[in-house]
Every structure is written in structure tokens, then in C-alpha cells.
Amino acid sequence: MQRQFAPRLRQLHWYEIALIAGVALALCIYLPIVVQRSAVQGLGDVQVFFRAGWAVWTGYPLYEVADHHGWTYHYPPTFALLMGPFAYPLDGFPQPAWALPLKMAVAVWYAISALALLLAIDWWARALERGATPPFEQRNWNAWWMLRIGPLAMLLPFFGDGLGRGQPSALVLLTMVGFLVLYVQGRIYAAACALAIGFTIKLFPLALLLFPLLRRDVKTVLATAGFSLVFLFVVPMLCLGPAEVVKLYTAMWTQHLSGIFTGVPNDKIAAEITFTSYDMLSIGAMLARIGAGGLPGADTLPAFATAGQLVFNVAFAGALLWIGHGRFWRLTGPQPPASEALLIGGAILCAALPVMLSVSQPNYVAFVAPLVAVVQFDAWRRSGAVKVVPLLITWAGLMWLGMVGTEGGVWQPLRVIGLATLAIVALLGWGMVCLRRAR
């Protein structure tokens, strides 16, 4: 019988209690701040999604409706349909009877996002715990709590940014974690459903389909395609009708996604998104700022930055495939069992998304959390004891400094370089080392 990974309810040291209480208190205190900022002061992105929920259910053009900033909705219509209970109309239009008042809607959306974040971190920790035999020595720190609180505390400013903006980053993280964990467990239909839900909210979780493709797992690929077809097309057609769905997807591509993917948006999108702003984390944005010595004159990526982004993406993908060969995939012959190596490979790919995507702001750093847990867990396993990992604490300090430098403009060169981008790239290298050691 497998021994318990860690006694969750054993007596904790005072510093463990203080850390847990501090993180919990931060999440609780931030709720009224978010409601004040979003519902009263009009900050954040939450009205983009709430207005989309109003537009899609009332017949207003979904990809033309804008929030009070002038920002528009860029995502599939299914997510807008799910935003129906939070519908918030344009000025001069009546509030739908079925929708929550704005302040309550912001509070409920925050609570849902925070819960999704906690569930994702716990779900991931449970997956890592399955390989923890025998249990680690836990003299000074409790492994159960630290495997969960550690990543949360190290990335707290970035989680807070996502919760404050009202972005669905936590929900997307939950779907990606769900896909990886369920896939390793052999529950391919549940895994495919989780990935399709993430793809319904934002398009980039589809990158995780790389793993069943590499493993020539046709059943999982087809299951994901089937669930995606249902969520992206069948459900909207049942709600809106086939002609309206075709019209919506045509507008989504021509007015939004084509320019975002190429980095050369139309005038409408260029007014909403600055591809090179200080809070953009992509490699291309960093290169563009370095080349200009600050913010470039144009909002689009210059050719050399686009080329640099492409080179990084190709090099990263090549390294992941090379190191992962024989561990989570094999070019010929039977595939390795879906195991810890696949979890680590998935965590590395999730963590790479913020620096690979052309539009990637601090809330996307939520996707780094699984890899933080992996490197923390790997350090414990090599030492045989649960303890503070000094190098990881230093890394977290750099991330916090990068966030402060980006948002507060403490030191201009720090904003230009984008310290968080470099720190994530360093963590990706650390993750590759963990992958080489994986069983």
C-alpha cells in the first residue's frame, strides 16, 4: 500500500501558518479592491467579457461591442455565451433581467477565478505526489502545503494581476492542468474534453495537443476534435443559429485574430493592443524594446523582433522534442507510458506560452505555476528532504522585481529588458534539466 505523501493536518510551524495565512489573506483582501476598481473606477478587462455576454444574447454585433476603454472581444462566441449571467449592457441599453448587477457580477467572477486557480494548483500537486515514494523528510516544512503554497506565493503578483484584470487565465490554467493530469491517468475522453473547454475560452491551449500528436495517439486527437466541434460550433448553433455562427467566426478572424497572429493588426486592433508595451512578455516584444531603447514608435513588431521570436520558438520546440524523446514520446516503435515525464513536458510547454505568444501580459504567468511546482518537487526529491530551495526563492525575487519594474517603472532599463521574460526563460532551462532526470 502506497504511503501518504504528506500529513496535511499535522501540526504546522508558526512560519508555515504565517505563509498560508498571508496568501489566503491577500486573496481575501484583494476581492473588495477588485470590485472597487472594476465596478466603480472602471479599470481592468472584465467589462470586455461582460459586454460580450450582453451582446451575444441580445443580438448586438459581438465583435464590435466595446467596453468603456474601447476594447473589444477577441475570443470564440461560446465563451461569450457562458458570460450571459454577467451581461453588462452598453450605456443607454437596459440591464437584462437575467444578469447580475455589475458589482455582484465582478465579485462572483473573482470568486470563480480564485477557486479555479486553487483547484488547478491542488490538482497538479496531487499528480506530482503520486510519484513521491518513499515520502520525503519533513522536519521543517510540510510537503503537502508547500507544494501548493510555494508556487502560489512565488507568483502571487501575477496571479493578482489576472484576478484584478478579470481575465480568465485561472480557468484556462485549470483546463490545461486537467488535460495533462487526466491524459497521464489514461482518461483520454475526459482529458480531451478539458482541452476542448480551454480551447473554447482561448485558442492557445491547443498547443498541448502536441503530446498526443507526437505519441501518434489518434484516439485522443479525434476526441479533442470532436469535443471542440461541439463546444465551438454545435453549442453556438443551437443557441444562435448556423448563419449567425458563420457570421461571428468570419468577423472574429477578419477583424481580430488574423492581425494578432501575424503581429500586424488592423487599425482597430492596433488601437487596443500594443505588441511592444512594457507589460508584454514575449521574446519579440523584448527584442523590439531593446532595439528601440524603449518603446518603439510603431505598435507592431519590427521584422527583426518577429524573426527573433520565430527563432526562439523553433529552438524551444526542438529542445523539448529532443529531450523528451524516449521519455514522453518516441519516433518509432511503441510509445513510452504516459507518466511523470509527460507531466513535466506539459508543464514546460505551459510555462513557455507567456514568452512564445505575441500578445502575452503578466496574467499569463499563471501558466508558469505547474513548472514552479515541478522544479520545487525535483529539488526535494534529490535532497530527500522538504526544504526551502534558495535558487527558486531567488528566481521568485527576480519575478517580483520584474513585475514591480514593469508596472511601477522603478528603473527604465529594467522595463525595457523585461526581467520576467528572462526569468521565465531561465526557468524553462531548469525544467529541461528536470525532464532529463524524469522517469
Protein backbone atom coordinates (compact mmCIF):
# COMPACT_ATOMS: atom_id res chain seq x y z
CA MET A 1 0.00 0.00 0.00
CA GLN A 2 1.40 3.40 -1.01
CA ARG A 3 2.23 5.61 1.92
CA GLN A 4 0.65 9.03 2.26
CA PHE A 5 2.70 11.73 0.58
CA ALA A 6 2.46 14.15 3.49
CA PRO A 7 0.31 14.54 6.60
CA ARG A 8 -1.73 17.55 5.56
CA LEU A 9 -3.17 18.11 9.02
CA ARG A 10 -0.05 17.62 11.13
CA GLN A 11 0.92 20.47 13.43
CA LEU A 12 2.46 23.26 11.36
CA HIS A 13 5.30 25.54 12.38
CA TRP A 14 4.46 29.18 13.01
CA TYR A 15 6.19 30.31 9.83
CA GLU A 16 4.19 27.83 7.75
CA ILE A 17 0.96 29.10 9.29
CA ALA A 18 2.05 32.69 8.64
CA LEU A 19 2.79 31.94 4.98
CA ILE A 20 -0.51 30.14 4.43
CA ALA A 21 -2.44 32.87 6.24
CA GLY A 22 -0.64 35.60 4.31
CA VAL A 23 -1.55 34.12 0.93
CA ALA A 24 -5.16 33.48 2.00
CA LEU A 25 -5.45 37.00 3.42
CA ALA A 26 -4.07 38.51 0.23
CA LEU A 27 -6.72 36.74 -1.85
CA CYS A 28 -9.49 37.84 0.51
CA ILE A 29 -8.34 41.45 0.83
CA TYR A 30 -7.99 41.78 -2.92
CA LEU A 31 -11.67 40.97 -3.55
CA PRO A 32 -13.16 44.32 -2.42
CA ILE A 33 -10.29 46.13 -4.14
CA VAL A 34 -11.12 44.40 -7.42
CA VAL A 35 -14.82 45.20 -7.06
CA GLN A 36 -13.98 48.86 -6.39
CA ARG A 37 -11.52 49.10 -9.27
CA SER A 38 -13.63 47.22 -11.81
CA ALA A 39 -17.20 48.21 -10.96
CA VAL A 40 -16.65 51.75 -9.67
CA GLN A 41 -13.41 53.03 -11.23
CA GLY A 42 -13.84 51.07 -14.46
CA LEU A 43 -10.37 49.52 -14.51
CA GLY A 44 -9.46 46.08 -15.80
CA ASP A 45 -10.69 43.93 -18.68
CA VAL A 46 -13.76 42.42 -17.08
CA GLN A 47 -16.23 44.62 -18.95
CA VAL A 48 -14.93 43.19 -22.23
CA PHE A 49 -16.28 39.76 -21.28
CA PHE A 50 -19.42 41.06 -19.57
CA ARG A 51 -20.31 43.25 -22.56
CA ALA A 52 -19.70 40.29 -24.87
CA GLY A 53 -22.14 38.24 -22.77
CA TRP A 54 -24.71 41.00 -23.21
CA ALA A 55 -24.11 41.40 -26.95
CA VAL A 56 -24.30 37.74 -27.92
CA TRP A 57 -27.58 37.21 -26.07
CA THR A 58 -29.26 40.40 -27.28
CA GLY A 59 -28.23 40.41 -30.95
CA TYR A 60 -25.73 43.28 -30.78
CA PRO A 61 -22.66 42.63 -33.04
CA LEU A 62 -20.37 40.59 -30.77
CA TYR A 63 -17.04 41.62 -32.29
CA GLU A 64 -17.96 45.30 -32.45
CA VAL A 65 -19.23 45.86 -28.91
CA ALA A 66 -16.61 47.65 -26.78
CA ASP A 67 -16.11 48.29 -23.11
CA HIS A 68 -15.63 51.77 -21.63
CA HIS A 69 -11.96 51.73 -22.77
CA GLY A 70 -12.94 50.98 -26.36
CA TRP A 71 -11.55 47.43 -26.07
CA THR A 72 -13.35 44.66 -27.94
CA TYR A 73 -13.82 40.90 -27.57
CA HIS A 74 -11.32 38.61 -29.37
CA TYR A 75 -12.43 35.11 -28.35
CA PRO A 76 -14.79 32.38 -29.64
CA PRO A 77 -18.54 33.06 -29.28
CA THR A 78 -19.06 30.11 -26.91
CA PHE A 79 -17.23 31.89 -24.10
CA ALA A 80 -19.40 34.95 -24.65
CA LEU A 81 -22.48 32.73 -24.34
CA LEU A 82 -21.19 31.48 -20.99
CA MET A 83 -20.86 35.09 -19.85
CA GLY A 84 -24.64 35.55 -20.09
CA PRO A 85 -25.23 35.69 -16.30
CA PHE A 86 -22.67 38.53 -16.10
CA ALA A 87 -24.13 40.53 -19.03
CA TYR A 88 -23.45 44.25 -18.76
CA PRO A 89 -25.05 46.46 -21.44
CA LEU A 90 -23.74 49.47 -23.27
CA ASP A 91 -24.77 52.82 -21.87
CA GLY A 92 -28.36 53.61 -22.77
CA PHE A 93 -29.44 49.97 -23.02
CA PRO A 94 -31.44 48.23 -20.26
CA GLN A 95 -29.85 45.67 -17.94
CA PRO A 96 -31.14 42.17 -18.83
CA ALA A 97 -33.41 40.69 -16.17
CA TRP A 98 -31.34 37.52 -16.00
CA ALA A 99 -27.99 39.25 -15.38
CA LEU A 100 -26.32 40.01 -12.07
CA PRO A 101 -25.72 43.65 -11.02
CA LEU A 102 -22.24 44.77 -12.02
CA LYS A 103 -20.71 44.82 -8.52
CA MET A 104 -22.06 41.38 -7.71
CA ALA A 105 -21.00 40.08 -11.13
CA VAL A 106 -17.41 41.27 -10.57
CA ALA A 107 -17.33 39.66 -7.12
CA VAL A 108 -18.73 36.34 -8.37
CA TRP A 109 -16.34 36.29 -11.33
CA TYR A 110 -13.41 36.96 -9.00
CA ALA A 111 -14.52 34.13 -6.69
CA ILE A 112 -14.87 31.70 -9.61
CA SER A 113 -11.42 32.63 -10.90
CA ALA A 114 -9.78 32.32 -7.47
CA LEU A 115 -11.41 28.93 -6.92
CA ALA A 116 -10.26 27.73 -10.36
CA LEU A 117 -6.71 28.82 -9.50
CA LEU A 118 -6.70 26.92 -6.21
CA LEU A 119 -8.22 23.82 -7.82
CA ALA A 120 -5.63 23.86 -10.61
CA ILE A 121 -2.72 24.11 -8.16
CA ASP A 122 -4.13 21.36 -5.94
CA TRP A 123 -4.90 19.08 -8.89
CA TRP A 124 -1.37 19.49 -10.20
CA ALA A 125 0.17 18.87 -6.77
CA ARG A 126 -1.81 15.63 -6.40
CA ALA A 127 -0.46 14.45 -9.76
CA LEU A 128 3.14 15.08 -8.64
CA GLU A 129 2.52 13.43 -5.27
CA ARG A 130 1.71 10.11 -6.92
CA GLY A 131 5.40 9.67 -7.73
CA ALA A 132 6.61 10.57 -4.23
CA THR A 133 7.61 7.23 -2.70
CA PRO A 134 9.01 6.97 -0.17
CA PRO A 135 7.85 10.24 1.46
CA PHE A 136 10.42 12.99 1.94
CA GLU A 137 11.82 14.01 5.30
CA GLN A 138 9.59 16.83 6.57
CA ARG A 139 11.29 18.17 9.65
CA ASN A 140 10.99 21.91 8.98
CA TRP A 141 8.37 22.18 6.23
CA ASN A 142 5.17 20.31 5.40
CA ALA A 143 5.38 18.98 1.85
CA TRP A 144 1.61 18.88 1.27
CA TRP A 145 1.17 22.57 1.99
CA MET A 146 4.41 23.80 0.44
CA LEU A 147 3.78 22.02 -2.85
CA ARG A 148 0.64 24.14 -3.12
CA ILE A 149 1.51 27.37 -1.32
CA GLY A 150 5.02 27.59 -2.78
CA PRO A 151 4.02 28.23 -6.43
CA LEU A 152 1.12 30.42 -5.31
CA ALA A 153 3.32 32.63 -3.12
CA MET A 154 6.14 32.88 -5.68
CA LEU A 155 3.79 34.09 -8.42
CA LEU A 156 1.29 35.98 -6.27
CA PRO A 157 1.66 39.40 -8.02
CA PHE A 158 0.99 37.77 -11.38
CA PHE A 159 -2.00 35.81 -10.12
CA GLY A 160 -3.28 39.05 -8.60
CA ASP A 161 -2.86 40.80 -11.94
CA GLY A 162 -5.05 38.22 -13.66
CA LEU A 163 -7.69 38.29 -10.94
CA GLY A 164 -7.66 42.09 -10.92
CA ARG A 165 -7.99 42.39 -14.67
CA GLY A 166 -10.86 39.89 -14.70
CA GLN A 167 -9.01 37.77 -17.24
CA PRO A 168 -9.97 34.05 -17.46
CA SER A 169 -6.33 32.94 -17.05
CA ALA A 170 -7.12 30.80 -13.99
CA LEU A 171 -9.87 28.96 -15.86
CA VAL A 172 -7.55 28.31 -18.80
CA LEU A 173 -4.86 27.05 -16.40
CA LEU A 174 -7.38 24.68 -14.85
CA THR A 175 -8.28 23.20 -18.24
CA MET A 176 -4.63 22.73 -19.23
CA VAL A 177 -3.75 21.09 -15.91
CA GLY A 178 -6.86 18.93 -16.25
CA PHE A 179 -5.81 17.77 -19.70
CA LEU A 180 -2.28 16.81 -18.65
CA VAL A 181 -3.28 15.05 -15.43
CA LEU A 182 -6.20 13.17 -16.96
CA TYR A 183 -4.17 12.19 -20.02
CA VAL A 184 -1.41 10.70 -17.88
CA GLN A 185 -4.07 8.79 -15.94
CA GLY A 186 -5.32 7.29 -19.22
CA ARG A 187 -8.68 9.06 -19.06
CA ILE A 188 -8.40 10.30 -22.61
CA TYR A 189 -12.01 11.36 -23.16
CA ALA A 190 -12.09 13.46 -20.00
CA ALA A 191 -8.68 14.88 -20.96
CA ALA A 192 -9.93 15.71 -24.47
CA CYS A 193 -12.99 17.42 -23.00
CA ALA A 194 -10.83 19.53 -20.66
CA LEU A 195 -8.57 20.63 -23.52
CA ALA A 196 -11.54 21.47 -25.72
CA ILE A 197 -13.03 23.63 -22.95
CA GLY A 198 -9.74 25.53 -22.68
CA PHE A 199 -9.66 25.94 -26.45
CA THR A 200 -13.20 27.33 -26.25
CA ILE A 201 -12.09 30.09 -23.86
CA LYS A 202 -8.81 30.98 -25.58
CA LEU A 203 -7.22 29.34 -28.59
CA PHE A 204 -3.65 28.69 -27.45
CA PRO A 205 -4.31 25.69 -25.08
CA LEU A 206 -4.49 23.75 -28.33
CA ALA A 207 -0.67 23.72 -28.16
CA LEU A 208 -0.96 20.85 -25.67
CA LEU A 209 -2.34 18.69 -28.45
CA LEU A 210 1.33 18.35 -29.38
CA PHE A 211 1.69 15.47 -26.93
CA PRO A 212 -0.94 13.08 -28.35
CA LEU A 213 0.22 14.04 -31.85
CA LEU A 214 3.81 13.11 -31.03
CA ARG A 215 2.64 9.88 -29.43
CA ARG A 216 0.53 9.09 -32.52
CA ASP A 217 -2.48 8.90 -30.23
CA VAL A 218 -5.20 9.21 -32.85
CA LYS A 219 -7.99 8.45 -30.40
CA THR A 220 -7.17 11.45 -28.18
CA VAL A 221 -6.70 13.76 -31.17
CA LEU A 222 -10.06 12.75 -32.63
CA ALA A 223 -11.77 13.02 -29.23
CA THR A 224 -10.38 16.55 -28.78
CA ALA A 225 -11.54 17.48 -32.28
CA GLY A 226 -15.00 16.09 -31.52
CA PHE A 227 -15.41 17.97 -28.24
CA SER A 228 -14.04 21.14 -29.85
CA LEU A 229 -16.55 20.82 -32.67
CA VAL A 230 -19.38 20.54 -30.14
CA PHE A 231 -18.23 23.44 -27.95
CA LEU A 232 -17.15 25.80 -30.72
CA PHE A 233 -19.86 25.18 -33.30
CA VAL A 234 -22.72 22.92 -32.20
CA VAL A 235 -23.50 24.76 -28.95
CA PRO A 236 -23.42 28.25 -30.56
CA MET A 237 -25.54 26.99 -33.46
CA LEU A 238 -28.15 25.64 -31.07
CA CYS A 239 -28.26 29.00 -29.30
CA LEU A 240 -27.87 31.40 -32.23
CA GLY A 241 -28.43 29.53 -35.46
CA PRO A 242 -25.95 28.36 -38.15
CA ALA A 243 -25.95 31.57 -40.21
CA GLU A 244 -25.16 33.74 -37.20
CA VAL A 245 -22.31 31.44 -36.10
CA VAL A 246 -20.70 31.59 -39.56
CA LYS A 247 -21.00 35.36 -39.46
CA LEU A 248 -19.42 35.55 -36.00
CA TYR A 249 -16.43 33.37 -36.84
CA THR A 250 -15.81 35.30 -40.05
CA ALA A 251 -15.79 38.54 -38.06
CA MET A 252 -13.55 37.06 -35.36
CA TRP A 253 -10.91 36.11 -37.91
CA THR A 254 -11.01 39.12 -40.21
CA GLN A 255 -11.39 41.79 -37.51
CA HIS A 256 -9.25 40.30 -34.76
CA LEU A 257 -7.22 37.07 -34.98
CA SER A 258 -5.53 37.49 -38.36
CA GLY A 259 -3.76 40.65 -37.21
CA ILE A 260 -2.97 39.30 -33.73
CA PHE A 261 -1.36 36.13 -35.11
CA THR A 262 0.74 37.98 -37.68
CA GLY A 263 1.69 40.84 -35.35
CA VAL A 264 0.44 43.31 -37.96
CA PRO A 265 -3.09 44.20 -36.80
CA ASN A 266 -5.60 46.43 -38.49
CA ASP A 267 -6.08 49.96 -37.19
CA LYS A 268 -8.90 48.91 -34.85
CA ILE A 269 -6.88 46.21 -33.08
CA ALA A 270 -3.70 48.31 -33.14
CA ALA A 271 -5.53 50.91 -31.09
CA GLU A 272 -6.34 48.27 -28.45
CA ILE A 273 -3.12 46.21 -28.32
CA THR A 274 0.44 47.44 -28.20
CA PHE A 275 2.56 44.44 -29.14
CA THR A 276 5.71 46.03 -27.70
CA SER A 277 4.38 47.63 -24.49
CA TYR A 278 6.36 47.26 -21.27
CA ASP A 279 3.98 44.63 -19.90
CA MET A 280 4.25 42.36 -22.95
CA LEU A 281 6.30 39.28 -22.02
CA SER A 282 7.04 37.78 -25.42
CA ILE A 283 10.57 37.41 -26.74
CA GLY A 284 9.60 39.51 -29.76
CA ALA A 285 8.35 42.37 -27.59
CA MET A 286 11.54 42.27 -25.50
CA LEU A 287 13.73 42.38 -28.62
CA ALA A 288 11.71 45.24 -30.09
CA ARG A 289 12.10 47.31 -26.91
CA ILE A 290 15.82 46.59 -26.65
CA GLY A 291 16.32 47.54 -30.30
CA ALA A 292 14.48 50.84 -29.80
CA GLY A 293 15.98 51.57 -26.39
CA GLY A 294 12.43 51.90 -25.03
CA LEU A 295 9.01 51.75 -26.61
CA PRO A 296 9.24 51.55 -30.42
CA GLY A 297 7.48 54.23 -32.41
CA ALA A 298 5.11 51.70 -34.04
CA ASP A 299 2.79 49.38 -32.14
CA THR A 300 3.67 46.40 -34.34
CA LEU A 301 6.69 44.14 -34.04
CA PRO A 302 9.61 45.05 -36.34
CA ALA A 303 10.85 42.38 -38.71
CA PHE A 304 13.95 41.53 -36.66
CA ALA A 305 11.84 41.03 -33.50
CA THR A 306 9.40 38.79 -35.35
CA ALA A 307 12.33 36.76 -36.68
CA GLY A 308 13.85 36.55 -33.20
CA GLN A 309 10.55 35.30 -31.80
CA LEU A 310 10.34 32.65 -34.51
CA VAL A 311 13.91 31.51 -33.86
CA PHE A 312 13.24 31.21 -30.13
CA ASN A 313 10.01 29.26 -30.67
CA VAL A 314 11.67 26.83 -33.06
CA ALA A 315 14.69 26.37 -30.77
CA PHE A 316 12.48 25.79 -27.75
CA ALA A 317 10.28 23.28 -29.56
CA GLY A 318 13.35 21.47 -30.86
CA ALA A 319 14.88 21.24 -27.38
CA LEU A 320 11.63 19.96 -25.87
CA LEU A 321 11.25 17.30 -28.54
CA TRP A 322 14.90 16.25 -28.31
CA ILE A 323 15.00 15.93 -24.53
CA GLY A 324 11.51 14.43 -24.41
CA HIS A 325 12.32 11.73 -26.96
CA GLY A 326 12.25 8.37 -25.22
CA ARG A 327 10.67 9.96 -22.17
CA PHE A 328 7.19 11.08 -23.26
CA TRP A 329 7.33 10.22 -26.96
CA ARG A 330 9.24 8.03 -29.40
CA LEU A 331 9.67 8.48 -33.15
CA THR A 332 9.44 4.76 -33.91
CA GLY A 333 8.22 1.76 -32.02
CA PRO A 334 5.84 1.68 -29.06
CA GLN A 335 5.36 4.90 -27.13
CA PRO A 336 6.66 5.29 -23.56
CA PRO A 337 3.98 5.05 -20.87
CA ALA A 338 2.25 8.35 -20.12
CA SER A 339 3.98 9.18 -16.86
CA GLU A 340 5.81 11.86 -14.91
CA ALA A 341 7.92 12.83 -17.91
CA LEU A 342 4.81 13.83 -19.84
CA LEU A 343 3.62 15.94 -16.91
CA ILE A 344 6.97 17.73 -16.83
CA GLY A 345 6.96 18.23 -20.60
CA GLY A 346 3.46 19.66 -20.36
CA ALA A 347 4.49 21.99 -17.54
CA ILE A 348 7.42 23.23 -19.62
CA LEU A 349 5.19 23.94 -22.61
CA CYS A 350 2.62 25.76 -20.46
CA ALA A 351 5.36 27.88 -18.88
CA ALA A 352 6.74 28.77 -22.32
CA LEU A 353 3.44 30.20 -23.58
CA PRO A 354 3.91 33.66 -21.99
CA VAL A 355 7.20 34.18 -23.85
CA MET A 356 6.10 32.48 -27.09
CA LEU A 357 2.77 34.24 -27.72
CA SER A 358 2.84 37.61 -29.48
CA VAL A 359 0.23 39.04 -27.08
CA SER A 360 1.14 37.99 -23.55
CA GLN A 361 0.66 40.15 -20.47
CA PRO A 362 1.53 39.44 -16.80
CA ASN A 363 -1.68 37.49 -16.13
CA TYR A 364 -0.36 34.78 -18.49
CA VAL A 365 2.39 34.00 -15.96
CA ALA A 366 -0.26 31.89 -14.19
CA PHE A 367 0.69 29.20 -16.72
CA VAL A 368 4.18 29.03 -15.17
CA ALA A 369 2.84 27.68 -11.85
CA PRO A 370 2.98 23.95 -12.77
CA LEU A 371 6.66 24.22 -13.72
CA VAL A 372 7.47 26.03 -10.46
CA ALA A 373 5.93 23.08 -8.60
CA VAL A 374 7.94 20.64 -10.75
CA VAL A 375 11.33 22.23 -10.04
CA GLN A 376 10.49 22.58 -6.34
CA PHE A 377 9.44 18.93 -6.19
CA ASP A 378 12.56 17.82 -8.08
CA ALA A 379 14.81 19.66 -5.62
CA TRP A 380 13.11 17.93 -2.69
CA ARG A 381 13.47 14.54 -4.30
CA ARG A 382 17.17 14.98 -4.98
CA SER A 383 17.86 16.13 -1.42
CA GLY A 384 15.48 13.66 0.19
CA ALA A 385 14.02 16.42 2.36
CA VAL A 386 11.41 19.13 2.10
CA LYS A 387 13.19 22.45 2.50
CA VAL A 388 13.49 25.92 1.05
CA VAL A 389 15.13 25.96 -2.38
CA PRO A 390 17.37 29.07 -2.33
CA LEU A 391 17.76 29.28 -6.10
CA LEU A 392 14.00 29.09 -6.56
CA ILE A 393 13.46 31.81 -3.95
CA THR A 394 15.97 33.98 -5.83
CA TRP A 395 14.10 33.29 -9.03
CA ALA A 396 10.82 34.35 -7.39
CA GLY A 397 12.50 37.55 -6.20
CA LEU A 398 13.51 38.32 -9.78
CA MET A 399 9.95 37.73 -10.93
CA TRP A 400 8.56 40.06 -8.28
CA LEU A 401 11.18 42.67 -9.17
CA GLY A 402 10.28 42.30 -12.83
CA MET A 403 6.61 42.88 -12.02
CA VAL A 404 7.40 45.96 -9.94
CA GLY A 405 9.73 47.27 -12.62
CA THR A 406 7.14 46.76 -15.35
CA GLU A 407 4.16 48.24 -13.55
CA GLY A 408 5.89 50.87 -11.44
CA GLY A 409 8.65 52.00 -13.77
CA VAL A 410 11.22 51.93 -10.96
CA TRP A 411 14.18 51.66 -13.32
CA GLN A 412 13.80 52.28 -17.04
CA PRO A 413 16.36 49.69 -18.29
CA LEU A 414 14.54 47.06 -16.24
CA ARG A 415 11.29 47.90 -18.03
CA VAL A 416 12.96 47.81 -21.43
CA ILE A 417 14.52 44.39 -20.95
CA GLY A 418 11.58 42.75 -19.21
CA LEU A 419 13.13 40.87 -16.30
CA ALA A 420 10.17 38.48 -16.00
CA THR A 421 10.72 37.32 -19.58
CA LEU A 422 14.35 36.42 -18.89
CA ALA A 423 13.40 34.74 -15.60
CA ILE A 424 10.83 32.56 -17.36
CA VAL A 425 13.37 31.55 -20.00
CA ALA A 426 15.79 30.58 -17.20
CA LEU A 427 13.05 28.50 -15.54
CA LEU A 428 12.42 26.74 -18.85
CA GLY A 429 16.06 25.65 -18.87
CA TRP A 430 15.69 24.39 -15.31
CA GLY A 431 12.60 22.48 -16.37
CA MET A 432 14.52 20.83 -19.22
CA VAL A 433 17.05 19.58 -16.66
CA CYS A 434 14.19 18.12 -14.60
CA LEU A 435 12.84 16.45 -17.72
CA ARG A 436 16.19 14.77 -18.41
CA ARG A 437 16.08 13.32 -14.89
CA ALA A 438 12.44 12.20 -15.16
CA ARG A 439 11.48 8.58 -15.11
